[in-house]
Protein backbone atom coordinates (compact mmCIF):
# COMPACT_ATOMS: atom_id res chain seq x y z
CA MET A 1 25.61 -0.86 2.56
CA LYS A 2 27.19 0.53 -0.52
CA GLU A 3 27.43 4.19 -0.99
CA ASN A 4 24.37 5.32 -2.79
CA VAL A 5 23.55 9.30 -3.56
CA SER A 6 20.15 8.58 -4.92
CA THR A 7 17.21 10.21 -2.98
CA PRO A 8 14.60 8.10 -3.47
CA ILE A 9 12.60 9.43 -0.28
CA TYR A 10 10.07 12.19 -0.25
CA SER A 11 9.89 12.44 3.55
CA ILE A 12 10.07 10.61 6.88
CA THR A 13 6.88 10.51 9.07
CA PRO A 14 9.03 9.58 12.39
CA PHE A 15 6.17 8.24 14.73
CA THR A 16 2.79 6.40 14.30
CA LEU A 17 0.64 4.19 15.93
CA LEU A 18 -2.02 4.25 13.12
CA ASP A 19 -0.38 2.10 10.23
CA TYR A 20 1.43 -0.96 11.51
CA ALA A 21 -1.82 -2.45 13.82
CA HIS A 22 -0.15 -2.74 17.64
CA LYS A 23 3.20 -1.63 16.74
CA SER A 24 4.88 2.04 17.10
CA ALA A 25 6.35 2.37 13.57
CA CYS A 26 7.89 5.49 11.39
CA ILE A 27 6.69 5.53 7.58
CA LEU A 28 9.17 5.85 5.07
CA TRP A 29 7.10 8.01 1.97
CA PHE A 30 8.85 7.31 -1.29
CA ALA A 31 8.15 9.41 -4.07
CA GLY A 32 6.94 8.67 -7.52
CA CYS A 33 4.30 6.21 -8.85
CA ASN A 34 3.40 3.74 -12.03
CA MET A 35 -0.34 4.87 -11.44
CA ARG A 36 -2.14 8.07 -11.30
CA CYS A 37 -5.11 7.37 -9.08
CA LEU A 38 -7.84 9.53 -9.29
CA TYR A 39 -8.29 10.17 -5.54
CA CYS A 40 -4.59 9.78 -4.69
CA TYR A 41 -3.86 11.65 -1.90
CA ASN A 42 -0.54 12.35 -1.90
CA PRO A 43 0.09 14.17 -5.57
CA GLU A 44 3.02 15.58 -3.85
CA ILE A 45 4.89 12.67 -3.85
CA VAL A 46 3.32 10.88 -6.76
CA LEU A 47 4.42 13.75 -9.13
CA GLY A 48 7.44 14.92 -6.71
CA LYS A 49 10.76 13.81 -6.22
CA GLY A 50 12.90 12.46 -3.52
CA THR A 51 14.44 14.65 -1.18
CA ILE A 52 15.82 12.65 1.62
CA THR A 53 18.94 9.65 0.55
CA LEU A 54 19.37 6.13 1.47
CA GLU A 55 22.42 7.01 4.12
CA LYS A 56 20.44 9.90 5.95
CA ALA A 57 17.17 7.65 5.82
CA LEU A 58 18.98 5.14 7.67
CA ALA A 59 20.83 7.18 10.12
CA PHE A 60 17.38 8.37 11.27
CA LEU A 61 16.72 4.49 11.62
CA SER A 62 19.35 3.90 13.57
CA SER A 63 18.97 6.68 16.14
CA ARG A 64 15.45 5.02 16.75
CA LYS A 65 16.17 1.48 17.49
CA ASN A 66 15.10 -0.41 20.23
CA LEU A 67 12.27 2.66 20.30
CA LEU A 68 10.13 1.92 17.38
CA ASP A 69 8.64 -1.32 16.78
CA ALA A 70 8.56 -1.18 12.61
CA VAL A 71 9.21 0.74 9.81
CA VAL A 72 6.32 1.37 6.95
CA PHE A 73 7.20 1.37 3.47
CA SER A 74 4.88 3.35 1.75
CA GLY A 75 4.57 6.26 -1.33
CA GLY A 76 4.14 6.73 -4.53
CA GLU A 77 5.04 3.32 -4.97
CA CYS A 78 7.80 1.75 -2.88
CA LEU A 79 8.78 -0.89 -4.64
CA LEU A 80 9.35 1.51 -7.77
CA HIS A 81 12.90 1.45 -6.54
CA LYS A 82 15.59 -0.37 -7.24
CA SER A 83 17.47 0.32 -3.92
CA SER A 84 14.12 -0.52 -2.31
CA ILE A 85 15.48 -4.02 -1.26
CA GLU A 86 18.69 -3.41 -0.27
CA LEU A 87 17.13 -1.00 2.00
CA ILE A 88 14.85 -3.19 3.47
CA ALA A 89 17.83 -5.66 4.24
CA GLU A 90 19.09 -2.79 6.31
CA VAL A 91 16.36 -2.49 8.14
CA LYS A 92 15.38 -5.69 8.79
CA LYS A 93 19.02 -5.95 9.99
CA MET A 94 18.63 -3.47 12.61
CA GLY A 95 15.87 -5.48 13.83
CA PHE A 96 12.51 -3.71 13.06
CA LEU A 97 9.82 -5.26 11.70
CA VAL A 98 8.77 -4.06 8.16
CA LYS A 99 5.36 -2.91 6.60
CA ILE A 100 4.76 -2.62 2.37
CA ASP A 101 2.27 -0.32 1.48
CA THR A 102 1.88 -1.26 -2.52
CA ASN A 103 -0.12 -1.14 -5.22
CA GLY A 104 1.20 -4.46 -6.43
CA SER A 105 2.02 -3.88 -9.20
CA LYS A 106 5.75 -4.96 -8.75
CA PRO A 107 5.41 -8.74 -8.55
CA ALA A 108 9.03 -9.77 -8.73
CA VAL A 109 10.37 -7.24 -6.01
CA LEU A 110 7.57 -8.70 -3.78
CA GLN A 111 8.81 -12.52 -4.61
CA GLU A 112 12.40 -11.63 -3.82
CA LEU A 113 11.13 -10.03 -1.03
CA LEU A 114 9.14 -12.93 0.55
CA LYS A 115 11.32 -15.47 -0.30
CA ASN A 116 14.26 -13.82 1.52
CA GLN A 117 11.38 -12.94 4.49
CA LEU A 118 12.44 -9.20 4.85
CA VAL A 119 9.12 -8.44 5.07
CA ASP A 120 6.47 -9.30 8.43
CA TYR A 121 2.95 -7.55 6.56
CA VAL A 122 1.55 -6.20 3.28
CA ALA A 123 -1.00 -4.27 2.71
CA LEU A 124 -2.40 -4.86 -1.12
CA ASP A 125 -4.75 -2.17 -2.64
CA PHE A 126 -7.18 -3.44 -5.00
CA LYS A 127 -8.01 -0.61 -6.90
CA ALA A 128 -10.62 -2.11 -9.26
CA MET A 129 -11.61 -4.94 -11.43
CA PRO A 130 -10.12 -4.87 -14.76
CA ALA A 131 -13.35 -2.96 -16.54
CA HIS A 132 -12.50 -0.04 -14.26
CA PHE A 133 -9.02 -0.22 -13.21
CA GLU A 134 -7.46 1.53 -16.13
CA LYS A 135 -10.30 4.80 -15.74
CA ILE A 136 -9.37 4.87 -11.73
CA THR A 137 -5.24 4.02 -12.01
CA GLN A 138 -4.66 5.79 -15.56
CA SER A 139 -2.78 2.52 -16.16
CA ASP A 140 -2.52 -0.92 -17.37
CA LEU A 141 -1.11 -2.84 -14.36
CA PHE A 142 -4.26 -4.92 -13.35
CA ASN A 143 -1.97 -8.67 -14.62
CA PRO A 144 0.75 -7.54 -12.38
CA PHE A 145 -1.46 -6.69 -8.93
CA GLU A 146 -3.57 -10.31 -9.87
CA ASN A 147 0.14 -11.82 -9.43
CA SER A 148 1.05 -10.19 -6.36
CA LEU A 149 -2.48 -11.27 -5.12
CA ARG A 150 -1.76 -14.91 -5.81
CA LEU A 151 2.11 -14.65 -4.80
CA LEU A 152 0.69 -13.46 -1.05
CA ILE A 153 -1.91 -16.10 -1.02
CA ALA A 154 0.99 -18.28 -1.58
CA SER A 155 3.31 -17.19 0.90
CA GLY A 156 1.09 -17.84 3.94
CA LEU A 157 2.28 -14.31 5.08
CA THR A 158 0.04 -12.18 7.32
CA PHE A 159 -1.81 -9.68 4.74
CA GLU A 160 -4.64 -7.28 4.15
CA VAL A 161 -5.95 -6.24 0.84
CA ARG A 162 -7.77 -2.79 0.88
CA THR A 163 -10.38 -0.49 -1.06
CA THR A 164 -10.29 3.15 -1.55
CA VAL A 165 -13.94 4.32 -2.59
CA HIS A 166 -14.64 7.14 -3.88
CA SER A 167 -18.90 6.96 -4.47
CA ASP A 168 -18.67 8.47 -7.87
CA LEU A 169 -15.95 5.59 -9.17
CA ILE A 170 -16.74 2.65 -7.06
CA ASN A 171 -20.60 1.59 -6.52
CA GLU A 172 -21.80 -1.51 -4.74
CA ASN A 173 -22.24 -4.09 -7.92
CA GLN A 174 -18.28 -3.17 -8.14
CA ILE A 175 -17.48 -4.23 -4.92
CA LYS A 176 -19.28 -7.21 -4.82
CA GLN A 177 -17.70 -8.30 -8.06
CA MET A 178 -14.21 -7.47 -6.33
CA VAL A 179 -15.17 -9.27 -3.14
CA THR A 180 -16.27 -12.57 -5.19
CA TYR A 181 -13.07 -11.84 -6.99
CA LEU A 182 -10.64 -12.06 -3.67
CA GLU A 183 -13.16 -15.67 -3.06
CA LYS A 184 -12.37 -16.90 -6.13
CA GLN A 185 -8.28 -16.11 -5.49
CA ASN A 186 -8.77 -17.65 -2.38
CA TYR A 187 -8.17 -15.33 -0.22
CA LYS A 188 -9.35 -15.17 3.61
CA GLY A 189 -9.72 -12.61 5.94
CA ASN A 190 -10.65 -8.83 6.36
CA TYR A 191 -11.04 -6.79 2.89
CA TYR A 192 -11.11 -3.31 4.16
CA ILE A 193 -12.70 -0.65 2.51
CA GLN A 194 -11.24 2.99 3.18
CA HIS A 195 -13.59 5.71 2.14
CA PHE A 196 -12.66 8.42 -0.11
CA MET A 197 -11.78 11.60 2.51
CA ASN A 198 -13.74 14.57 1.05
CA GLY A 199 -11.98 17.75 0.56
CA ALA A 200 -8.41 15.75 0.56
CA ASN A 201 -5.95 17.91 -2.16
CA THR A 202 -6.06 14.90 -4.78
CA LEU A 203 -4.48 14.24 -8.28
CA GLN A 204 -8.32 14.68 -9.81
CA GLU A 205 -10.36 17.41 -8.41
CA LEU A 206 -13.59 14.92 -7.23
CA GLY A 207 -17.22 15.57 -5.92
CA TYR A 208 -18.86 15.03 -3.05
CA SER A 209 -18.07 11.12 -1.73
CA ASN A 210 -21.18 9.38 0.10
CA LYS A 211 -21.28 6.10 2.28
CA GLU A 212 -24.37 4.69 1.67
CA ILE A 213 -22.28 1.76 1.12
CA GLU A 214 -22.05 0.87 4.56
CA LYS A 215 -25.77 0.13 4.67
CA VAL A 216 -25.01 -2.84 2.58
CA ASN A 217 -23.76 -6.33 4.12
CA LEU A 218 -20.57 -7.14 1.74
CA SER A 219 -19.22 -9.98 4.24
CA THR A 220 -19.23 -13.52 3.17
CA ALA A 221 -18.12 -16.83 5.22
CA ASN A 222 -14.33 -16.18 4.06
CA ILE A 223 -14.05 -12.62 3.53
CA LYS A 224 -14.88 -9.91 6.28
CA VAL A 225 -15.80 -6.38 4.92
CA GLN A 226 -14.62 -3.69 7.13
CA PHE A 227 -14.77 0.16 6.79
CA ARG A 228 -12.19 2.70 7.54
CA GLY A 229 -12.28 6.11 6.98
CA LYS A 230 -14.02 9.43 8.64
């Protein structure tokens, strides 16, 4: 890998059994994001700057070969960084599985990863339908998200779609619209609803979020809605 003195990575979680199902992994947290989701749990990462060079990250990963199964690329938005494809390629050469956590705003980067078989699993954040997308994300990036969703469906790669729900921001009818939208895109599989964690430090101060939505059967013949979070 060419020498690169940039520091795109905010921090590293050296071990997790929670972020890649049935795999031991570490997490590379990339600084910066092109969305400003009101409920974001990682404001220090989204608004902060990287502190870890690519070389330091690779040295850490080299020390974890044969000890961990996978590397999770998260953030922030990991695919914002031009160096991410090169780093992911190096990680794959080391023999790790690669999982990408993404808001779907960089379909061209995702397409290159898929084309070169550099990713094993993707968690795609479905923030909201277009009518509410800008309010929640403070961005106009629904179309790129849609392109990423279609790329993943066409690729045949194993991936998940997930939505973080704060009851003041997304209600039952909106979730039903999102399920219908996913069906129209021919998505089949699990759709994870992640409950907002009350008390978390977020980009915008939010009130208490309830879990009333769990009382509703939102699953369809093709999509199983599952709930995450306390």
